[in-house]
């Protein structure tokens, strides 16, 4: 968790005494929650029936639903063999 430090200055008086002092303290304020949420919205092949050797385009829509910038790879496998990344 990342926190920010805020310094607060306050003048303090005590009872009827005319003197005052200064109190210094730090407050930790948590940063907004960092949400990592990359989701695959859809995977759509250009053809639903193909023969060995036929070319097929595959449209993959990936969306970042979190609040952090993400870098990721999309890799396509067929029968445990990588065919595109």
Foldseek 3Di string as FASTA:
>chain_A
DDWDWDWDWDWDDDDPDPDIDIDIDIDTDDDPDWDWDKDWPDWDKPDPDDDPPDDIDIDTDIDTPTDDDDDDDDWDDDPNHTDGD
